[in-house]
């Protein structure tokens, strides 16, 4: 039995499937992170608002921005094929 096709072009179906999978993965990651933060707070390993109150240094902000930019280029490289965006190297 073949898979159902919802859009005129099967690539759109695959794109929608990918977006739905990414949403599922993101929710799972967010849920696990919340559980981890709560467990650490309950164990007294860090205050409940430690993440919100943490102020990164200028160097940390610059490093995070570079990792974010590389992530965005890597994840969205398929949209830029034939465009001017070079594919980013893998994240360390």
PDB file of N, CA and C in Angstrom:
ATOM      1  N   UNK A   1       0.852  -1.185   0.000  1.00  0.00           N
ATOM      2  CA  UNK A   1       0.000   0.000   0.000  1.00  0.00           C
ATOM      3  C   UNK A   1       0.888   1.235   0.000  1.00  0.00           C
ATOM      4  N   UNK A   2       0.593   2.173  -0.855  1.00  0.00           N
ATOM      5  CA  UNK A   2       1.406   3.383  -0.951  1.00  0.00           C
ATOM      6  C   UNK A   2       0.968   4.398   0.107  1.00  0.00           C
ATOM      7  N   UNK A   3       1.897   5.314   0.418  1.00  0.00           N
ATOM      8  CA  UNK A   3       1.605   6.357   1.395  1.00  0.00           C
ATOM      9  C   UNK A   3       0.647   7.378   0.782  1.00  0.00           C
ATOM     10  N   UNK A   4      -0.230   7.949   1.610  1.00  0.00           N
ATOM     11  CA  UNK A   4      -1.144   8.968   1.076  1.00  0.00           C
ATOM     12  C   UNK A   4      -0.379  10.209   0.653  1.00  0.00           C
ATOM     13  N   UNK A   5      -0.900  10.872  -0.356  1.00  0.00           N
ATOM     14  CA  UNK A   5      -0.293  12.115  -0.830  1.00  0.00           C
ATOM     15  C   UNK A   5      -1.312  13.231  -0.642  1.00  0.00           C
ATOM     16  N   UNK A   6      -0.894  14.287   0.073  1.00  0.00           N
ATOM     17  CA  UNK A   6      -1.811  15.369   0.409  1.00  0.00           C
ATOM     18  C   UNK A   6      -1.630  16.602  -0.473  1.00  0.00           C
ATOM     19  N   UNK A   7      -0.431  16.775  -1.006  1.00  0.00           N
ATOM     20  CA  UNK A   7      -0.136  17.948  -1.830  1.00  0.00           C
ATOM     21  C   UNK A   7       0.135  17.507  -3.261  1.00  0.00           C
ATOM     22  N   UNK A   8       0.128  18.474  -4.186  1.00  0.00           N
ATOM     23  CA  UNK A   8       0.350  18.169  -5.596  1.00  0.00           C
ATOM     24  C   UNK A   8       1.729  17.569  -5.840  1.00  0.00           C
ATOM     25  N   UNK A   9       2.697  17.985  -5.061  1.00  0.00           N
ATOM     26  CA  UNK A   9       4.064  17.501  -5.259  1.00  0.00           C
ATOM     27  C   UNK A   9       4.490  16.711  -4.029  1.00  0.00           C
ATOM     28  N   UNK A  10       5.004  15.502  -4.205  1.00  0.00           N
ATOM     29  CA  UNK A  10       5.374  14.679  -3.056  1.00  0.00           C
ATOM     30  C   UNK A  10       6.443  15.316  -2.163  1.00  0.00           C
ATOM     31  N   UNK A  11       7.257  16.210  -2.714  1.00  0.00           N
ATOM     32  CA  UNK A  11       8.279  16.873  -1.899  1.00  0.00           C
ATOM     33  C   UNK A  11       7.615  17.690  -0.788  1.00  0.00           C
ATOM     34  N   UNK A  12       6.468  18.287  -1.084  1.00  0.00           N
ATOM     35  CA  UNK A  12       5.756  19.042  -0.055  1.00  0.00           C
ATOM     36  C   UNK A  12       5.271  18.123   1.065  1.00  0.00           C
ATOM     37  N   UNK A  13       4.829  16.931   0.709  1.00  0.00           N
ATOM     38  CA  UNK A  13       4.443  15.958   1.735  1.00  0.00           C
ATOM     39  C   UNK A  13       5.639  15.606   2.612  1.00  0.00           C
ATOM     40  N   UNK A  14       6.792  15.406   1.990  1.00  0.00           N
ATOM     41  CA  UNK A  14       8.000  15.062   2.757  1.00  0.00           C
ATOM     42  C   UNK A  14       8.428  16.232   3.643  1.00  0.00           C
ATOM     43  N   UNK A  15       8.297  17.432   3.130  1.00  0.00           N
ATOM     44  CA  UNK A  15       8.645  18.614   3.912  1.00  0.00           C
ATOM     45  C   UNK A  15       7.719  18.728   5.123  1.00  0.00           C
ATOM     46  N   UNK A  16       6.430  18.538   4.922  1.00  0.00           N
ATOM     47  CA  UNK A  16       5.481  18.595   6.027  1.00  0.00           C
ATOM     48  C   UNK A  16       5.800  17.513   7.052  1.00  0.00           C
ATOM     49  N   UNK A  17       6.101  16.329   6.596  1.00  0.00           N
ATOM     50  CA  UNK A  17       6.467  15.240   7.510  1.00  0.00           C
ATOM     51  C   UNK A  17       7.697  15.619   8.329  1.00  0.00           C
ATOM     52  N   UNK A  18       8.679  16.225   7.679  1.00  0.00           N
ATOM     53  CA  UNK A  18       9.893  16.655   8.374  1.00  0.00           C
ATOM     54  C   UNK A  18       9.579  17.704   9.427  1.00  0.00           C
ATOM     55  N   UNK A  19       8.764  18.682   9.078  1.00  0.00           N
ATOM     56  CA  UNK A  19       8.393  19.731  10.022  1.00  0.00           C
ATOM     57  C   UNK A  19       7.666  19.123  11.226  1.00  0.00           C
ATOM     58  N   UNK A  20       6.772  18.191  10.986  1.00  0.00           N
ATOM     59  CA  UNK A  20       6.054  17.548  12.084  1.00  0.00           C
ATOM     60  C   UNK A  20       7.015  16.750  12.972  1.00  0.00           C
ATOM     61  N   UNK A  21       7.966  16.058  12.371  1.00  0.00           N
ATOM     62  CA  UNK A  21       8.945  15.301  13.154  1.00  0.00           C
ATOM     63  C   UNK A  21       9.810  16.242  13.985  1.00  0.00           C
ATOM     64  N   UNK A  22      10.234  17.356  13.394  1.00  0.00           N
ATOM     65  CA  UNK A  22      11.040  18.328  14.138  1.00  0.00           C
ATOM     66  C   UNK A  22      10.249  18.902  15.310  1.00  0.00           C
ATOM     67  N   UNK A  23       8.975  19.199  15.093  1.00  0.00           N
ATOM     68  CA  UNK A  23       8.136  19.691  16.178  1.00  0.00           C
ATOM     69  C   UNK A  23       8.039  18.684  17.306  1.00  0.00           C
ATOM     70  N   UNK A  24       7.891  17.420  16.959  1.00  0.00           N
ATOM     71  CA  UNK A  24       7.825  16.359  17.956  1.00  0.00           C
ATOM     72  C   UNK A  24       9.134  16.253  18.743  1.00  0.00           C
ATOM     73  N   UNK A  25      10.242  16.308  18.022  1.00  0.00           N
ATOM     74  CA  UNK A  25      11.553  16.246  18.675  1.00  0.00           C
ATOM     75  C   UNK A  25      11.778  17.457  19.579  1.00  0.00           C
ATOM     76  N   UNK A  26      11.375  18.633  19.121  1.00  0.00           N
ATOM     77  CA  UNK A  26      11.544  19.835  19.922  1.00  0.00           C
ATOM     78  C   UNK A  26      10.724  19.737  21.207  1.00  0.00           C
ATOM     79  N   UNK A  27       9.475  19.293  21.101  1.00  0.00           N
ATOM     80  CA  UNK A  27       8.645  19.171  22.290  1.00  0.00           C
ATOM     81  C   UNK A  27       9.266  18.180  23.279  1.00  0.00           C
ATOM     82  N   UNK A  28       9.740  17.053  22.785  1.00  0.00           N
ATOM     83  CA  UNK A  28      10.366  16.061  23.654  1.00  0.00           C
ATOM     84  C   UNK A  28      11.587  16.650  24.359  1.00  0.00           C
ATOM     85  N   UNK A  29      12.396  17.390  23.632  1.00  0.00           N
ATOM     86  CA  UNK A  29      13.581  18.020  24.216  1.00  0.00           C
ATOM     87  C   UNK A  29      13.181  19.045  25.272  1.00  0.00           C
ATOM     88  N   UNK A  30      12.185  19.861  24.982  1.00  0.00           N
ATOM     89  CA  UNK A  30      11.733  20.872  25.940  1.00  0.00           C
ATOM     90  C   UNK A  30      11.175  20.222  27.201  1.00  0.00           C
ATOM     91  N   UNK A  31      10.410  19.155  27.023  1.00  0.00           N
ATOM     92  CA  UNK A  31       9.837  18.454  28.171  1.00  0.00           C
ATOM     93  C   UNK A  31      10.933  17.852  29.035  1.00  0.00           C
ATOM     94  N   UNK A  32      11.899  17.193  28.403  1.00  0.00           N
ATOM     95  CA  UNK A  32      12.998  16.586  29.155  1.00  0.00           C
ATOM     96  C   UNK A  32      13.832  17.647  29.868  1.00  0.00           C
ATOM     97  N   UNK A  33      14.063  18.775  29.232  1.00  0.00           N
ATOM     98  CA  UNK A  33      14.821  19.848  29.852  1.00  0.00           C
ATOM     99  C   UNK A  33      14.089  20.382  31.082  1.00  0.00           C
ATOM    100  N   UNK A  34      12.778  20.553  30.987  1.00  0.00           N
ATOM    101  CA  UNK A  34      11.992  21.024  32.125  1.00  0.00           C
ATOM    102  C   UNK A  34      12.066  20.024  33.282  1.00  0.00           C
ATOM    103  N   UNK A  35      11.965  18.737  32.965  1.00  0.00           N
ATOM    104  CA  UNK A  35      12.068  17.702  33.999  1.00  0.00           C
ATOM    105  C   UNK A  35      13.451  17.732  34.640  1.00  0.00           C
ATOM    106  N   UNK A  36      14.491  17.875  33.842  1.00  0.00           N
ATOM    107  CA  UNK A  36      15.856  17.931  34.355  1.00  0.00           C
ATOM    108  C   UNK A  36      16.052  19.144  35.261  1.00  0.00           C
ATOM    109  N   UNK A  37      15.596  20.315  34.817  1.00  0.00           N
ATOM    110  CA  UNK A  37      15.717  21.519  35.643  1.00  0.00           C
ATOM    111  C   UNK A  37      14.982  21.345  36.971  1.00  0.00           C
ATOM    112  N   UNK A  38      13.781  20.768  36.925  1.00  0.00           N
ATOM    113  CA  UNK A  38      13.002  20.552  38.143  1.00  0.00           C
ATOM    114  C   UNK A  38      13.720  19.572  39.068  1.00  0.00           C
ATOM    115  N   UNK A  39      14.249  18.489  38.519  1.00  0.00           N
ATOM    116  CA  UNK A  39      14.954  17.497  39.332  1.00  0.00           C
ATOM    117  C   UNK A  39      16.196  18.103  39.979  1.00  0.00           C
ATOM    118  N   UNK A  40      16.933  18.909  39.244  1.00  0.00           N
ATOM    119  CA  UNK A  40      18.119  19.560  39.802  1.00  0.00           C
ATOM    120  C   UNK A  40      17.742  20.535  40.909  1.00  0.00           C
ATOM    121  N   UNK A  41      16.650  21.271  40.709  1.00  0.00           N
ATOM    122  CA  UNK A  41      16.194  22.216  41.726  1.00  0.00           C
ATOM    123  C   UNK A  41      15.734  21.466  42.980  1.00  0.00           C
ATOM    124  N   UNK A  42      14.977  20.382  42.793  1.00  0.00           N
ATOM    125  CA  UNK A  42      14.493  19.605  43.934  1.00  0.00           C
ATOM    126  C   UNK A  42      15.641  18.961  44.704  1.00  0.00           C
ATOM    127  N   UNK A  43      16.719  18.609  44.009  1.00  0.00           N
ATOM    128  CA  UNK A  43      17.883  18.010  44.657  1.00  0.00           C
ATOM    129  C   UNK A  43      18.790  19.065  45.298  1.00  0.00           C
ATOM    130  N   UNK A  44      18.450  20.334  45.083  1.00  0.00           N
ATOM    131  CA  UNK A  44      19.256  21.409  45.644  1.00  0.00           C
ATOM    132  C   UNK A  44      20.531  21.672  44.870  1.00  0.00           C
ATOM    133  N   UNK A  45      20.631  21.119  43.671  1.00  0.00           N
ATOM    134  CA  UNK A  45      21.827  21.303  42.853  1.00  0.00           C
ATOM    135  C   UNK A  45      21.885  22.684  42.222  1.00  0.00           C
ATOM    136  N   UNK A  46      20.728  23.313  42.058  1.00  0.00           N
ATOM    137  CA  UNK A  46      20.675  24.685  41.577  1.00  0.00           C
ATOM    138  C   UNK A  46      19.315  25.274  41.905  1.00  0.00           C
ATOM    139  N   UNK A  47      19.244  26.588  42.067  1.00  0.00           N
ATOM    140  CA  UNK A  47      17.947  27.223  42.337  1.00  0.00           C
ATOM    141  C   UNK A  47      17.007  27.067  41.144  1.00  0.00           C
ATOM    142  N   UNK A  48      15.696  27.111  41.411  1.00  0.00           N
ATOM    143  CA  UNK A  48      14.709  26.938  40.333  1.00  0.00           C
ATOM    144  C   UNK A  48      14.854  27.964  39.222  1.00  0.00           C
ATOM    145  N   UNK A  49      15.296  29.177  39.551  1.00  0.00           N
ATOM    146  CA  UNK A  49      15.402  30.228  38.543  1.00  0.00           C
ATOM    147  C   UNK A  49      16.834  30.428  38.046  1.00  0.00           C
ATOM    148  N   UNK A  50      17.685  29.431  38.252  1.00  0.00           N
ATOM    149  CA  UNK A  50      19.101  29.561  37.882  1.00  0.00           C
ATOM    150  C   UNK A  50      19.286  29.817  36.389  1.00  0.00           C
ATOM    151  N   UNK A  51      18.519  29.133  35.559  1.00  0.00           N
ATOM    152  CA  UNK A  51      18.669  29.292  34.109  1.00  0.00           C
ATOM    153  C   UNK A  51      18.234  30.695  33.690  1.00  0.00           C
ATOM    154  N   UNK A  52      17.112  31.160  34.234  1.00  0.00           N
ATOM    155  CA  UNK A  52      16.597  32.478  33.873  1.00  0.00           C
ATOM    156  C   UNK A  52      17.512  33.601  34.352  1.00  0.00           C
ATOM    157  N   UNK A  53      18.152  33.400  35.501  1.00  0.00           N
ATOM    158  CA  UNK A  53      18.981  34.455  36.077  1.00  0.00           C
ATOM    159  C   UNK A  53      20.421  34.449  35.579  1.00  0.00           C
ATOM    160  N   UNK A  54      20.846  33.389  34.927  1.00  0.00           N
ATOM    161  CA  UNK A  54      22.235  33.283  34.457  1.00  0.00           C
ATOM    162  C   UNK A  54      22.501  34.310  33.378  1.00  0.00           C
ATOM    163  N   UNK A  55      23.521  35.108  33.561  1.00  0.00           N
ATOM    164  CA  UNK A  55      23.908  36.132  32.590  1.00  0.00           C
ATOM    165  C   UNK A  55      25.212  35.699  31.917  1.00  0.00           C
ATOM    166  N   UNK A  56      25.154  35.277  30.656  1.00  0.00           N
ATOM    167  CA  UNK A  56      26.371  34.839  29.973  1.00  0.00           C
ATOM    168  C   UNK A  56      27.315  36.016  29.705  1.00  0.00           C
ATOM    169  N   UNK A  57      28.583  35.674  29.640  1.00  0.00           N
ATOM    170  CA  UNK A  57      29.583  36.695  29.334  1.00  0.00           C
ATOM    171  C   UNK A  57      29.503  37.060  27.844  1.00  0.00           C
ATOM    172  N   UNK A  58      30.186  38.135  27.492  1.00  0.00           N
ATOM    173  CA  UNK A  58      30.221  38.555  26.082  1.00  0.00           C
ATOM    174  C   UNK A  58      30.830  37.456  25.218  1.00  0.00           C
ATOM    175  N   UNK A  59      31.864  36.802  25.726  1.00  0.00           N
ATOM    176  CA  UNK A  59      32.486  35.705  24.977  1.00  0.00           C
ATOM    177  C   UNK A  59      31.541  34.539  24.780  1.00  0.00           C
ATOM    178  N   UNK A  60      30.786  34.191  25.832  1.00  0.00           N
ATOM    179  CA  UNK A  60      29.812  33.101  25.717  1.00  0.00           C
ATOM    180  C   UNK A  60      28.720  33.458  24.712  1.00  0.00           C
ATOM    181  N   UNK A  61      28.282  34.705  24.737  1.00  0.00           N
ATOM    182  CA  UNK A  61      27.262  35.143  23.780  1.00  0.00           C
ATOM    183  C   UNK A  61      27.768  35.051  22.342  1.00  0.00           C
ATOM    184  N   UNK A  62      29.017  35.429  22.130  1.00  0.00           N
ATOM    185  CA  UNK A  62      29.602  35.368  20.783  1.00  0.00           C
ATOM    186  C   UNK A  62      29.734  33.917  20.325  1.00  0.00           C
ATOM    187  N   UNK A  63      30.183  33.038  21.224  1.00  0.00           N
ATOM    188  CA  UNK A  63      30.304  31.613  20.882  1.00  0.00           C
ATOM    189  C   UNK A  63      28.937  31.016  20.555  1.00  0.00           C
ATOM    190  N   UNK A  64      27.947  31.352  21.367  1.00  0.00           N
ATOM    191  CA  UNK A  64      26.597  30.842  21.134  1.00  0.00           C
ATOM    192  C   UNK A  64      26.036  31.358  19.809  1.00  0.00           C
ATOM    193  N   UNK A  65      26.279  32.610  19.495  1.00  0.00           N
ATOM    194  CA  UNK A  65      25.813  33.174  18.225  1.00  0.00           C
ATOM    195  C   UNK A  65      26.457  32.446  17.045  1.00  0.00           C
ATOM    196  N   UNK A  66      27.732  32.126  17.155  1.00  0.00           N
ATOM    197  CA  UNK A  66      28.418  31.404  16.078  1.00  0.00           C
ATOM    198  C   UNK A  66      27.840  29.999  15.923  1.00  0.00           C
ATOM    199  N   UNK A  67      27.587  29.312  17.052  1.00  0.00           N
ATOM    200  CA  UNK A  67      26.984  27.971  16.985  1.00  0.00           C
ATOM    201  C   UNK A  67      25.567  28.041  16.410  1.00  0.00           C
ATOM    202  N   UNK A  68      24.807  29.069  16.812  1.00  0.00           N
ATOM    203  CA  UNK A  68      23.444  29.237  16.292  1.00  0.00           C
ATOM    204  C   UNK A  68      23.467  29.459  14.786  1.00  0.00           C
ATOM    205  N   UNK A  69      24.355  30.347  14.327  1.00  0.00           N
ATOM    206  CA  UNK A  69      24.428  30.645  12.893  1.00  0.00           C
ATOM    207  C   UNK A  69      24.810  29.404  12.084  1.00  0.00           C
ATOM    208  N   UNK A  70      25.757  28.623  12.604  1.00  0.00           N
ATOM    209  CA  UNK A  70      26.156  27.389  11.921  1.00  0.00           C
ATOM    210  C   UNK A  70      24.997  26.399  11.895  1.00  0.00           C
ATOM    211  N   UNK A  71      24.261  26.305  12.989  1.00  0.00           N
ATOM    212  CA  UNK A  71      23.098  25.420  13.074  1.00  0.00           C
ATOM    213  C   UNK A  71      22.053  25.812  12.036  1.00  0.00           C
ATOM    214  N   UNK A  72      21.732  27.093  11.969  1.00  0.00           N
ATOM    215  CA  UNK A  72      20.723  27.577  11.019  1.00  0.00           C
ATOM    216  C   UNK A  72      21.173  27.304   9.589  1.00  0.00           C
ATOM    217  N   UNK A  73      22.439  27.577   9.278  1.00  0.00           N
ATOM    218  CA  UNK A  73      22.926  27.312   7.914  1.00  0.00           C
ATOM    219  C   UNK A  73      22.843  25.824   7.588  1.00  0.00           C
ATOM    220  N   UNK A  74      23.190  24.972   8.548  1.00  0.00           N
ATOM    221  CA  UNK A  74      23.169  23.529   8.305  1.00  0.00           C
ATOM    222  C   UNK A  74      21.740  23.028   8.137  1.00  0.00           C
ATOM    223  N   UNK A  75      20.850  23.431   9.034  1.00  0.00           N
ATOM    224  CA  UNK A  75      19.475  22.934   9.008  1.00  0.00           C
ATOM    225  C   UNK A  75      18.725  23.409   7.768  1.00  0.00           C
ATOM    226  N   UNK A  76      18.936  24.658   7.384  1.00  0.00           N
ATOM    227  CA  UNK A  76      18.184  25.226   6.268  1.00  0.00           C
ATOM    228  C   UNK A  76      18.962  25.243   4.956  1.00  0.00           C
ATOM    229  N   UNK A  77      20.044  24.499   4.874  1.00  0.00           N
ATOM    230  CA  UNK A  77      20.862  24.473   3.661  1.00  0.00           C
ATOM    231  C   UNK A  77      20.059  24.033   2.445  1.00  0.00           C
ATOM    232  N   UNK A  78      19.120  23.135   2.646  1.00  0.00           N
ATOM    233  CA  UNK A  78      18.316  22.642   1.536  1.00  0.00           C
ATOM    234  C   UNK A  78      17.503  23.740   0.867  1.00  0.00           C
ATOM    235  N   UNK A  79      17.098  24.748   1.640  1.00  0.00           N
ATOM    236  CA  UNK A  79      16.331  25.847   1.065  1.00  0.00           C
ATOM    237  C   UNK A  79      17.217  26.790   0.264  1.00  0.00           C
ATOM    238  N   UNK A  80      18.511  26.752   0.518  1.00  0.00           N
ATOM    239  CA  UNK A  80      19.430  27.689  -0.121  1.00  0.00           C
ATOM    240  C   UNK A  80      20.175  27.066  -1.298  1.00  0.00           C
ATOM    241  N   UNK A  81      19.906  25.807  -1.601  1.00  0.00           N
ATOM    242  CA  UNK A  81      20.612  25.177  -2.722  1.00  0.00           C
ATOM    243  C   UNK A  81      20.426  26.003  -3.976  1.00  0.00           C
ATOM    244  N   UNK A  82      21.547  26.309  -4.603  1.00  0.00           N
ATOM    245  CA  UNK A  82      21.506  27.138  -5.785  1.00  0.00           C
ATOM    246  C   UNK A  82      21.514  28.614  -5.414  1.00  0.00           C
ATOM    247  N   UNK A  83      21.507  28.895  -4.111  1.00  0.00           N
ATOM    248  CA  UNK A  83      21.544  30.275  -3.645  1.00  0.00           C
ATOM    249  C   UNK A  83      22.955  30.646  -3.243  1.00  0.00           C
ATOM    250  N   UNK A  84      23.075  31.616  -2.384  1.00  0.00           N
ATOM    251  CA  UNK A  84      24.375  32.127  -2.011  1.00  0.00           C
ATOM    252  C   UNK A  84      24.861  31.659  -0.656  1.00  0.00           C
ATOM    253  N   UNK A  85      24.102  30.818   0.038  1.00  0.00           N
ATOM    254  CA  UNK A  85      24.487  30.351   1.377  1.00  0.00           C
ATOM    255  C   UNK A  85      25.308  29.083   1.232  1.00  0.00           C
ATOM    256  N   UNK A  86      26.504  29.090   1.816  1.00  0.00           N
ATOM    257  CA  UNK A  86      27.333  27.892   1.823  1.00  0.00           C
ATOM    258  C   UNK A  86      26.877  27.000   2.952  1.00  0.00           C
ATOM    259  N   UNK A  87      26.963  25.690   2.747  1.00  0.00           N
ATOM    260  CA  UNK A  87      26.605  24.763   3.800  1.00  0.00           C
ATOM    261  C   UNK A  87      27.599  24.886   4.942  1.00  0.00           C
ATOM    262  N   UNK A  88      27.093  24.937   6.149  1.00  0.00           N
ATOM    263  CA  UNK A  88      27.943  25.088   7.327  1.00  0.00           C
ATOM    264  C   UNK A  88      28.608  23.760   7.682  1.00  0.00           C
ATOM    265  N   UNK A  89      29.778  23.817   8.297  1.00  0.00           N
ATOM    266  CA  UNK A  89      30.401  22.578   8.762  1.00  0.00           C
ATOM    267  C   UNK A  89      29.585  22.004   9.902  1.00  0.00           C
ATOM    268  N   UNK A  90      29.750  20.712  10.207  1.00  0.00           N
ATOM    269  CA  UNK A  90      28.999  20.116  11.301  1.00  0.00           C
ATOM    270  C   UNK A  90      29.305  20.796  12.621  1.00  0.00           C
ATOM    271  N   UNK A  91      28.320  20.793  13.500  1.00  0.00           N
ATOM    272  CA  UNK A  91      28.499  21.394  14.821  1.00  0.00           C
ATOM    273  C   UNK A  91      29.479  20.557  15.627  1.00  0.00           C
ATOM    274  N   UNK A  92      30.353  21.233  16.401  1.00  0.00           N
ATOM    275  CA  UNK A  92      31.333  20.469  17.199  1.00  0.00           C
ATOM    276  C   UNK A  92      30.687  19.668  18.282  1.00  0.00           C
TER     277      UNK A  92
END
